[in-house]
Each structure stands twice: as C-alpha cells, then as structure tokens.
C-alpha cells in the first residue's frame, strides 16, 4: 500500500481545479498495449510504415488492417479503476479536466465529462477530401471505405508529422494554466507539444503529481511522485481526500 502524503491531501482540500494528463500507461491496465517500454508496439512495428499520411495513401489497406486490429482490442477493453476514479473525482471538485494523449475513448466511457483528446479518437473517422465525419461502423466488405465524394476515409487520429487539433490543445493548455493540481498519469511526458502542458502547469503554479510505474524524466520537476499501478494510487489519493473531509 503506497503512503499518500498528508501535504498533498491538504493541497487538494484547498483546490478547485484538477487536471489529469494521461498517457498509454493508464490504459495498459485495461489490457491495451503501450507504444513505448520494453513490450511497446513500436518495438515490433515501425511507426513510419503505419502512422503517417503518406503510408496511408501508399497502402490504405495495410493501415486500416492495423487500426481495425487496434479498434477490436479497444472495443473489448473496459475502463479500469484509474479511469473510474478520475471520473468519480468530478463529484468532489469544482472543475475536473482530462487531457489525454490516448485515442481509446476510455475516459468518456468511464464517465468523464470534460475530455480534451490531443491525439484524436479511434472511434471517429473522416474523409481526407471533404472532411466529413463517419462515426458509425465502417463497411470494409468492398475494400477501404470511401466517402460519397470519392475520398478515402481515414481514422481520426493524429499521425506522425501532423499537427495536434488546435481546439483540443488550446483547451488542454487553458486547463493547465488554471489548474491547482495537475496529475500526470501513465506517461513519461516526452512527446511534444503535448508534454509541454506539464511545464505550462508548473510555471502557472500548479502542484504536479506524477503517477507512473517507474521514475521518468518528469520526476525531477514533480512535487509528488508515486510509482505503481495508476488505479490503486489514484483510488488511494481520492479515498484519503474523502477521509480527510470527515475531520
């Protein structure tokens, strides 16, 4: 059982705005493989062969085969204790925002209301020509699905070399600036520009709480670092906070 610092609980009691900045590590507890680490996806596959626009134009069948495989894994996964605890936090603080690098939609499925998706959402698709969205299940019986305008339909995820969606990043940045406590959960925060939000929060006076399996480059700037399963640690923090309200 990880001991939660009393000073963190005291800080939470004085806080109104909480941000959870999440990465692949939080979803690994739902059985979704991470991208980095010793068993990471990118150790087995080259990202430039699958996760960029040119690769899609060159071989859309292969790229869609890969994303449909990932969608199947994600559809079968369920929100875990960490996702559910983050959603429950909404019952105890004025403002709770999730800023996620994940594309798996598990935060919304867990019940989080304010979610900024920096890298898109695998549940959505759009036409590369007219940008029309196709959020229903696509039909692959005749090959790669096409829009009524004739354009190829692609997953609504951010590929290498593409910009983050401006509205999602600006929403996350605004939340970071106004946050009292900024939790970094399941990410080493090394991929920019997303990782810059941690430093934005720090410079704006937020208390930085790191929750990861092991030490990361972020540990040197975190006010608190807890190493272990995100579900257990976040549940422990929330339970300690609720307990403190009784006294």
C-alpha atoms as a PDB file:
ATOM      1  CA  UNK A   1       0.000   0.000   0.000  1.00  0.00           C
ATOM      2  CA  UNK A   2       1.504   3.322  -1.079  1.00  0.00           C
ATOM      3  CA  UNK A   3       1.535   6.036   1.547  1.00  0.00           C
ATOM      4  CA  UNK A   4      -0.109   9.234   0.305  1.00  0.00           C
ATOM      5  CA  UNK A   5       1.494  12.435   1.582  1.00  0.00           C
ATOM      6  CA  UNK A   6      -0.672  14.412   4.001  1.00  0.00           C
ATOM      7  CA  UNK A   7       0.576  17.627   2.434  1.00  0.00           C
ATOM      8  CA  UNK A   8      -0.900  16.556  -0.919  1.00  0.00           C
ATOM      9  CA  UNK A   9      -4.264  15.912   0.743  1.00  0.00           C
ATOM     10  CA  UNK A  10      -4.068  19.352   2.394  1.00  0.00           C
ATOM     11  CA  UNK A  11      -3.369  20.886  -1.019  1.00  0.00           C
ATOM     12  CA  UNK A  12      -6.320  19.065  -2.572  1.00  0.00           C
ATOM     13  CA  UNK A  13      -8.609  20.357   0.173  1.00  0.00           C
ATOM     14  CA  UNK A  14      -7.768  23.897  -0.902  1.00  0.00           C
ATOM     15  CA  UNK A  15      -8.089  23.171  -4.618  1.00  0.00           C
ATOM     16  CA  UNK A  16     -10.893  23.789  -7.091  1.00  0.00           C
ATOM     17  CA  UNK A  17      -9.406  22.881 -10.469  1.00  0.00           C
ATOM     18  CA  UNK A  18      -7.901  19.436 -11.053  1.00  0.00           C
ATOM     19  CA  UNK A  19      -6.339  18.235 -14.311  1.00  0.00           C
ATOM     20  CA  UNK A  20      -5.460  14.655 -15.203  1.00  0.00           C
ATOM     21  CA  UNK A  21      -2.927  14.474 -18.034  1.00  0.00           C
ATOM     22  CA  UNK A  22      -2.928  10.858 -19.169  1.00  0.00           C
ATOM     23  CA  UNK A  23      -0.975   8.592 -21.490  1.00  0.00           C
ATOM     24  CA  UNK A  24      -0.760   4.995 -22.626  1.00  0.00           C
ATOM     25  CA  UNK A  25       0.228   3.712 -19.176  1.00  0.00           C
ATOM     26  CA  UNK A  26      -3.243   4.320 -17.762  1.00  0.00           C
ATOM     27  CA  UNK A  27      -4.873   2.205 -20.482  1.00  0.00           C
ATOM     28  CA  UNK A  28      -2.356  -0.611 -20.198  1.00  0.00           C
ATOM     29  CA  UNK A  29      -4.229  -1.568 -17.006  1.00  0.00           C
ATOM     30  CA  UNK A  30      -7.224  -2.237 -19.274  1.00  0.00           C
ATOM     31  CA  UNK A  31      -5.130  -4.562 -21.422  1.00  0.00           C
ATOM     32  CA  UNK A  32      -4.337  -2.065 -24.195  1.00  0.00           C
ATOM     33  CA  UNK A  33      -0.666  -2.321 -25.217  1.00  0.00           C
ATOM     34  CA  UNK A  34       1.533   0.738 -24.721  1.00  0.00           C
ATOM     35  CA  UNK A  35       3.642   2.192 -27.516  1.00  0.00           C
ATOM     36  CA  UNK A  36       6.882   2.577 -25.621  1.00  0.00           C
ATOM     37  CA  UNK A  37       8.608   0.456 -22.993  1.00  0.00           C
ATOM     38  CA  UNK A  38      10.148  -2.979 -23.368  1.00  0.00           C
ATOM     39  CA  UNK A  39       6.940  -4.549 -24.710  1.00  0.00           C
ATOM     40  CA  UNK A  40       5.823  -1.469 -26.622  1.00  0.00           C
ATOM     41  CA  UNK A  41       4.135  -1.639 -30.016  1.00  0.00           C
ATOM     42  CA  UNK A  42       6.814   0.462 -31.664  1.00  0.00           C
ATOM     43  CA  UNK A  43       9.406  -2.155 -30.752  1.00  0.00           C
ATOM     44  CA  UNK A  44       7.635  -4.535 -33.109  1.00  0.00           C
ATOM     45  CA  UNK A  45       6.499  -2.163 -35.856  1.00  0.00           C
ATOM     46  CA  UNK A  46       7.966   0.905 -37.487  1.00  0.00           C
ATOM     47  CA  UNK A  47       5.638   3.874 -36.906  1.00  0.00           C
ATOM     48  CA  UNK A  48       6.591   5.456 -40.224  1.00  0.00           C
ATOM     49  CA  UNK A  49       5.121   2.415 -42.001  1.00  0.00           C
ATOM     50  CA  UNK A  50       1.707   2.755 -40.409  1.00  0.00           C
ATOM     51  CA  UNK A  51       1.067   6.035 -38.631  1.00  0.00           C
ATOM     52  CA  UNK A  52       1.543   8.728 -41.218  1.00  0.00           C
ATOM     53  CA  UNK A  53      -0.441  10.128 -44.109  1.00  0.00           C
ATOM     54  CA  UNK A  54       1.931   9.032 -46.864  1.00  0.00           C
ATOM     55  CA  UNK A  55       1.823   5.443 -45.603  1.00  0.00           C
ATOM     56  CA  UNK A  56      -1.975   5.603 -45.710  1.00  0.00           C
ATOM     57  CA  UNK A  57      -2.038   6.876 -49.295  1.00  0.00           C
ATOM     58  CA  UNK A  58       0.569   4.298 -50.319  1.00  0.00           C
ATOM     59  CA  UNK A  59      -1.152   1.334 -48.667  1.00  0.00           C
ATOM     60  CA  UNK A  60      -4.531   2.212 -47.088  1.00  0.00           C
ATOM     61  CA  UNK A  61      -5.465  -1.472 -46.792  1.00  0.00           C
ATOM     62  CA  UNK A  62      -2.489  -2.229 -44.540  1.00  0.00           C
ATOM     63  CA  UNK A  63      -3.013   0.861 -42.390  1.00  0.00           C
ATOM     64  CA  UNK A  64      -6.706   0.100 -41.950  1.00  0.00           C
ATOM     65  CA  UNK A  65      -5.939  -3.536 -41.131  1.00  0.00           C
ATOM     66  CA  UNK A  66      -3.700  -2.284 -38.325  1.00  0.00           C
ATOM     67  CA  UNK A  67      -6.246   0.219 -36.996  1.00  0.00           C
ATOM     68  CA  UNK A  68      -9.104  -2.267 -37.154  1.00  0.00           C
ATOM     69  CA  UNK A  69      -6.947  -4.668 -35.131  1.00  0.00           C
ATOM     70  CA  UNK A  70      -6.390  -1.925 -32.555  1.00  0.00           C
ATOM     71  CA  UNK A  71     -10.095  -0.995 -32.556  1.00  0.00           C
ATOM     72  CA  UNK A  72     -11.012  -4.587 -31.783  1.00  0.00           C
ATOM     73  CA  UNK A  73      -8.644  -4.604 -28.785  1.00  0.00           C
ATOM     74  CA  UNK A  74     -10.032  -1.269 -27.589  1.00  0.00           C
ATOM     75  CA  UNK A  75     -13.678  -2.266 -28.038  1.00  0.00           C
ATOM     76  CA  UNK A  76     -13.102  -5.336 -25.900  1.00  0.00           C
ATOM     77  CA  UNK A  77     -11.304  -3.341 -23.198  1.00  0.00           C
ATOM     78  CA  UNK A  78     -13.134  -1.758 -20.284  1.00  0.00           C
ATOM     79  CA  UNK A  79     -12.326   1.381 -18.276  1.00  0.00           C
ATOM     80  CA  UNK A  80     -10.197   0.396 -15.299  1.00  0.00           C
ATOM     81  CA  UNK A  81     -10.013   1.651 -11.719  1.00  0.00           C
ATOM     82  CA  UNK A  82      -7.904   4.646 -12.746  1.00  0.00           C
ATOM     83  CA  UNK A  83     -10.409   5.836 -15.377  1.00  0.00           C
ATOM     84  CA  UNK A  84     -13.300   5.313 -12.961  1.00  0.00           C
ATOM     85  CA  UNK A  85     -11.563   7.113 -10.097  1.00  0.00           C
ATOM     86  CA  UNK A  86     -10.821  10.095 -12.330  1.00  0.00           C
ATOM     87  CA  UNK A  87     -14.499  10.226 -13.297  1.00  0.00           C
ATOM     88  CA  UNK A  88     -15.532   9.987  -9.624  1.00  0.00           C
ATOM     89  CA  UNK A  89     -13.274  12.931  -8.810  1.00  0.00           C
ATOM     90  CA  UNK A  90     -15.849  15.111 -10.613  1.00  0.00           C
ATOM     91  CA  UNK A  91     -18.141  14.622  -7.600  1.00  0.00           C
ATOM     92  CA  UNK A  92     -15.671  16.310  -5.261  1.00  0.00           C
ATOM     93  CA  UNK A  93     -14.106  19.262  -7.094  1.00  0.00           C
ATOM     94  CA  UNK A  94     -15.490  22.263  -8.945  1.00  0.00           C
ATOM     95  CA  UNK A  95     -13.515  21.690 -12.132  1.00  0.00           C
ATOM     96  CA  UNK A  96     -12.045  18.369 -13.281  1.00  0.00           C
ATOM     97  CA  UNK A  97     -10.488  18.160 -16.730  1.00  0.00           C
ATOM     98  CA  UNK A  98      -8.914  15.216 -18.526  1.00  0.00           C
ATOM     99  CA  UNK A  99      -6.255  15.975 -21.119  1.00  0.00           C
ATOM    100  CA  UNK A 100      -5.315  12.711 -22.771  1.00  0.00           C
ATOM    101  CA  UNK A 101      -2.798  11.526 -25.333  1.00  0.00           C
ATOM    102  CA  UNK A 102      -4.807   8.309 -25.706  1.00  0.00           C
ATOM    103  CA  UNK A 103      -7.173   7.615 -28.588  1.00  0.00           C
ATOM    104  CA  UNK A 104      -9.147   4.810 -26.919  1.00  0.00           C
ATOM    105  CA  UNK A 105     -12.185   6.793 -25.637  1.00  0.00           C
ATOM    106  CA  UNK A 106     -11.969   5.036 -22.245  1.00  0.00           C
ATOM    107  CA  UNK A 107     -12.179   8.276 -20.248  1.00  0.00           C
ATOM    108  CA  UNK A 108     -15.530   9.149 -21.806  1.00  0.00           C
ATOM    109  CA  UNK A 109     -16.754   5.592 -21.378  1.00  0.00           C
ATOM    110  CA  UNK A 110     -15.797   5.815 -17.687  1.00  0.00           C
ATOM    111  CA  UNK A 111     -17.929   8.940 -17.282  1.00  0.00           C
ATOM    112  CA  UNK A 112     -15.502  11.854 -17.519  1.00  0.00           C
ATOM    113  CA  UNK A 113     -17.324  14.890 -18.894  1.00  0.00           C
ATOM    114  CA  UNK A 114     -14.571  17.311 -19.908  1.00  0.00           C
ATOM    115  CA  UNK A 115     -12.011  15.481 -22.036  1.00  0.00           C
ATOM    116  CA  UNK A 116      -9.516  17.012 -24.449  1.00  0.00           C
ATOM    117  CA  UNK A 117      -8.131  14.394 -26.854  1.00  0.00           C
ATOM    118  CA  UNK A 118      -4.758  15.605 -28.094  1.00  0.00           C
ATOM    119  CA  UNK A 119      -4.174  12.714 -30.477  1.00  0.00           C
ATOM    120  CA  UNK A 120      -7.714  12.101 -31.701  1.00  0.00           C
ATOM    121  CA  UNK A 121     -10.178   9.287 -31.113  1.00  0.00           C
ATOM    122  CA  UNK A 122     -10.102   5.884 -32.797  1.00  0.00           C
ATOM    123  CA  UNK A 123     -13.913   5.724 -32.616  1.00  0.00           C
ATOM    124  CA  UNK A 124     -14.151   8.540 -35.195  1.00  0.00           C
ATOM    125  CA  UNK A 125     -13.243   8.644 -38.902  1.00  0.00           C
ATOM    126  CA  UNK A 126     -13.297  11.297 -41.603  1.00  0.00           C
ATOM    127  CA  UNK A 127     -12.889  11.789 -45.342  1.00  0.00           C
ATOM    128  CA  UNK A 128      -9.460  13.036 -46.392  1.00  0.00           C
ATOM    129  CA  UNK A 129     -11.051  15.219 -49.106  1.00  0.00           C
ATOM    130  CA  UNK A 130     -14.216  16.863 -47.787  1.00  0.00           C
ATOM    131  CA  UNK A 131     -13.527  16.207 -44.069  1.00  0.00           C
ATOM    132  CA  UNK A 132     -17.000  14.714 -43.493  1.00  0.00           C
ATOM    133  CA  UNK A 133     -17.121  12.611 -40.328  1.00  0.00           C
ATOM    134  CA  UNK A 134     -18.096   8.957 -40.318  1.00  0.00           C
ATOM    135  CA  UNK A 135     -18.566   7.861 -36.719  1.00  0.00           C
ATOM    136  CA  UNK A 136     -20.634   4.756 -37.363  1.00  0.00           C
ATOM    137  CA  UNK A 137     -19.108   1.345 -38.026  1.00  0.00           C
ATOM    138  CA  UNK A 138     -17.490   1.321 -41.462  1.00  0.00           C
ATOM    139  CA  UNK A 139     -18.101  -1.314 -44.136  1.00  0.00           C
ATOM    140  CA  UNK A 140     -14.889  -2.951 -45.385  1.00  0.00           C
ATOM    141  CA  UNK A 141     -16.589  -5.621 -47.489  1.00  0.00           C
ATOM    142  CA  UNK A 142     -15.622  -3.807 -50.706  1.00  0.00           C
ATOM    143  CA  UNK A 143     -12.183  -2.696 -49.592  1.00  0.00           C
ATOM    144  CA  UNK A 144     -11.146   0.564 -47.966  1.00  0.00           C
ATOM    145  CA  UNK A 145     -14.321   2.619 -47.406  1.00  0.00           C
ATOM    146  CA  UNK A 146     -14.782   5.818 -49.386  1.00  0.00           C
ATOM    147  CA  UNK A 147     -16.813   8.934 -48.796  1.00  0.00           C
ATOM    148  CA  UNK A 148     -19.763   9.808 -51.028  1.00  0.00           C
ATOM    149  CA  UNK A 149     -17.433  12.437 -52.553  1.00  0.00           C
ATOM    150  CA  UNK A 150     -14.998   9.667 -53.532  1.00  0.00           C
ATOM    151  CA  UNK A 151     -12.322  10.442 -50.954  1.00  0.00           C
ATOM    152  CA  UNK A 152     -10.727   7.781 -48.764  1.00  0.00           C
ATOM    153  CA  UNK A 153     -11.960   7.584 -45.175  1.00  0.00           C
ATOM    154  CA  UNK A 154      -9.235   7.537 -42.518  1.00  0.00           C
ATOM    155  CA  UNK A 155      -9.182   7.171 -38.723  1.00  0.00           C
ATOM    156  CA  UNK A 156      -9.497  10.454 -36.811  1.00  0.00           C
ATOM    157  CA  UNK A 157      -6.150  10.063 -35.078  1.00  0.00           C
ATOM    158  CA  UNK A 158      -3.082  12.274 -35.201  1.00  0.00           C
ATOM    159  CA  UNK A 159      -0.322  10.683 -37.246  1.00  0.00           C
ATOM    160  CA  UNK A 160       3.381  11.439 -37.193  1.00  0.00           C
ATOM    161  CA  UNK A 161       4.075  14.750 -38.916  1.00  0.00           C
ATOM    162  CA  UNK A 162       0.554  16.091 -38.290  1.00  0.00           C
ATOM    163  CA  UNK A 163      -0.455  18.964 -36.021  1.00  0.00           C
ATOM    164  CA  UNK A 164      -2.476  18.359 -32.883  1.00  0.00           C
ATOM    165  CA  UNK A 165      -6.107  19.517 -33.185  1.00  0.00           C
ATOM    166  CA  UNK A 166      -5.936  23.192 -32.227  1.00  0.00           C
ATOM    167  CA  UNK A 167      -9.151  23.297 -30.217  1.00  0.00           C
ATOM    168  CA  UNK A 168      -8.126  20.265 -28.152  1.00  0.00           C
ATOM    169  CA  UNK A 169      -4.624  21.556 -27.439  1.00  0.00           C
ATOM    170  CA  UNK A 170      -5.819  25.072 -26.542  1.00  0.00           C
ATOM    171  CA  UNK A 171      -8.480  23.570 -24.263  1.00  0.00           C
ATOM    172  CA  UNK A 172      -5.824  21.485 -22.534  1.00  0.00           C
ATOM    173  CA  UNK A 173      -3.492  24.461 -22.274  1.00  0.00           C
ATOM    174  CA  UNK A 174      -6.197  26.633 -20.703  1.00  0.00           C
ATOM    175  CA  UNK A 175      -6.966  23.872 -18.185  1.00  0.00           C
ATOM    176  CA  UNK A 176      -3.254  23.512 -17.351  1.00  0.00           C
ATOM    177  CA  UNK A 177      -2.866  27.248 -16.736  1.00  0.00           C
ATOM    178  CA  UNK A 178      -5.851  27.399 -14.381  1.00  0.00           C
ATOM    179  CA  UNK A 179      -5.186  24.093 -12.572  1.00  0.00           C
ATOM    180  CA  UNK A 180      -4.434  23.887  -8.865  1.00  0.00           C
ATOM    181  CA  UNK A 181      -3.271  20.262  -9.006  1.00  0.00           C
ATOM    182  CA  UNK A 182      -2.004  18.663 -12.221  1.00  0.00           C
ATOM    183  CA  UNK A 183      -1.811  14.858 -12.186  1.00  0.00           C
ATOM    184  CA  UNK A 184       0.444  13.219 -14.770  1.00  0.00           C
ATOM    185  CA  UNK A 185      -0.748   9.625 -15.123  1.00  0.00           C
ATOM    186  CA  UNK A 186       0.774   6.832 -17.187  1.00  0.00           C
ATOM    187  CA  UNK A 187       3.050   8.925 -19.358  1.00  0.00           C
ATOM    188  CA  UNK A 188       6.725   9.842 -19.374  1.00  0.00           C
ATOM    189  CA  UNK A 189       5.723  13.173 -20.957  1.00  0.00           C
ATOM    190  CA  UNK A 190       8.494  13.211 -23.545  1.00  0.00           C
ATOM    191  CA  UNK A 191       6.425  13.691 -26.731  1.00  0.00           C
ATOM    192  CA  UNK A 192       5.952  17.344 -27.635  1.00  0.00           C
ATOM    193  CA  UNK A 193       3.995  19.531 -27.907  1.00  0.00           C
ATOM    194  CA  UNK A 194       1.701  17.579 -25.559  1.00  0.00           C
ATOM    195  CA  UNK A 195       4.410  17.193 -22.898  1.00  0.00           C
ATOM    196  CA  UNK A 196       4.786  20.958 -22.723  1.00  0.00           C
ATOM    197  CA  UNK A 197       1.460  21.174 -20.879  1.00  0.00           C
ATOM    198  CA  UNK A 198       3.136  19.766 -17.754  1.00  0.00           C
ATOM    199  CA  UNK A 199       5.613  22.640 -17.759  1.00  0.00           C
ATOM    200  CA  UNK A 200       2.835  25.137 -18.504  1.00  0.00           C
ATOM    201  CA  UNK A 201       1.003  23.917 -15.414  1.00  0.00           C
ATOM    202  CA  UNK A 202       4.188  24.039 -13.317  1.00  0.00           C
ATOM    203  CA  UNK A 203       5.006  27.591 -14.393  1.00  0.00           C
ATOM    204  CA  UNK A 204       1.418  28.622 -13.632  1.00  0.00           C
ATOM    205  CA  UNK A 205       1.792  27.475 -10.028  1.00  0.00           C
ATOM    206  CA  UNK A 206       0.090  24.087 -10.100  1.00  0.00           C
ATOM    207  CA  UNK A 207       1.168  21.237  -7.843  1.00  0.00           C
ATOM    208  CA  UNK A 208       2.483  18.459 -10.105  1.00  0.00           C
ATOM    209  CA  UNK A 209       1.663  14.887  -9.083  1.00  0.00           C
ATOM    210  CA  UNK A 210       3.284  12.100 -11.069  1.00  0.00           C
ATOM    211  CA  UNK A 211       1.705   8.626 -11.145  1.00  0.00           C
ATOM    212  CA  UNK A 212       3.792   6.157 -13.143  1.00  0.00           C
ATOM    213  CA  UNK A 213       5.099   2.613 -12.907  1.00  0.00           C
ATOM    214  CA  UNK A 214       8.665   3.868 -12.623  1.00  0.00           C
ATOM    215  CA  UNK A 215      10.748   7.007 -12.467  1.00  0.00           C
ATOM    216  CA  UNK A 216      10.670   9.206 -15.578  1.00  0.00           C
ATOM    217  CA  UNK A 217      12.384  12.406 -16.751  1.00  0.00           C
ATOM    218  CA  UNK A 218       9.362  14.174 -15.296  1.00  0.00           C
ATOM    219  CA  UNK A 219      10.157  13.006 -11.767  1.00  0.00           C
ATOM    220  CA  UNK A 220      12.705  15.794 -11.309  1.00  0.00           C
ATOM    221  CA  UNK A 221      10.061  18.520 -11.582  1.00  0.00           C
ATOM    222  CA  UNK A 222       7.149  16.730  -9.904  1.00  0.00           C
ATOM    223  CA  UNK A 223       6.131  17.862  -6.415  1.00  0.00           C
ATOM    224  CA  UNK A 224       4.980  14.328  -5.655  1.00  0.00           C
ATOM    225  CA  UNK A 225       5.848  11.082  -7.433  1.00  0.00           C
ATOM    226  CA  UNK A 226       4.061   7.805  -6.800  1.00  0.00           C
ATOM    227  CA  UNK A 227       5.200   4.636  -8.536  1.00  0.00           C
ATOM    228  CA  UNK A 228       2.851   1.712  -9.050  1.00  0.00           C
ATOM    229  CA  UNK A 229      -0.494   0.936 -10.677  1.00  0.00           C
ATOM    230  CA  UNK A 230      -2.446   4.067 -11.508  1.00  0.00           C
ATOM    231  CA  UNK A 231      -5.756   2.556 -10.422  1.00  0.00           C
ATOM    232  CA  UNK A 232      -4.504   1.750  -6.931  1.00  0.00           C
ATOM    233  CA  UNK A 233      -2.682   5.055  -6.437  1.00  0.00           C
ATOM    234  CA  UNK A 234      -5.476   7.338  -7.664  1.00  0.00           C
ATOM    235  CA  UNK A 235      -8.059   5.399  -5.667  1.00  0.00           C
ATOM    236  CA  UNK A 236      -5.814   5.776  -2.609  1.00  0.00           C
ATOM    237  CA  UNK A 237      -5.491   9.532  -3.123  1.00  0.00           C
ATOM    238  CA  UNK A 238      -9.241  10.017  -3.522  1.00  0.00           C
ATOM    239  CA  UNK A 239     -10.072   7.843  -0.514  1.00  0.00           C
ATOM    240  CA  UNK A 240      -7.565   9.730   1.665  1.00  0.00           C
ATOM    241  CA  UNK A 241      -9.074  13.003   0.463  1.00  0.00           C
ATOM    242  CA  UNK A 242     -12.636  11.879   1.275  1.00  0.00           C
ATOM    243  CA  UNK A 243     -11.499  10.610   4.657  1.00  0.00           C
ATOM    244  CA  UNK A 244      -9.918  13.981   5.453  1.00  0.00           C
ATOM    245  CA  UNK A 245     -13.259  15.728   4.934  1.00  0.00           C
ATOM    246  CA  UNK A 246     -14.723  13.874   7.914  1.00  0.00           C
ATOM    247  CA  UNK A 247     -12.379  15.583  10.349  1.00  0.00           C
END
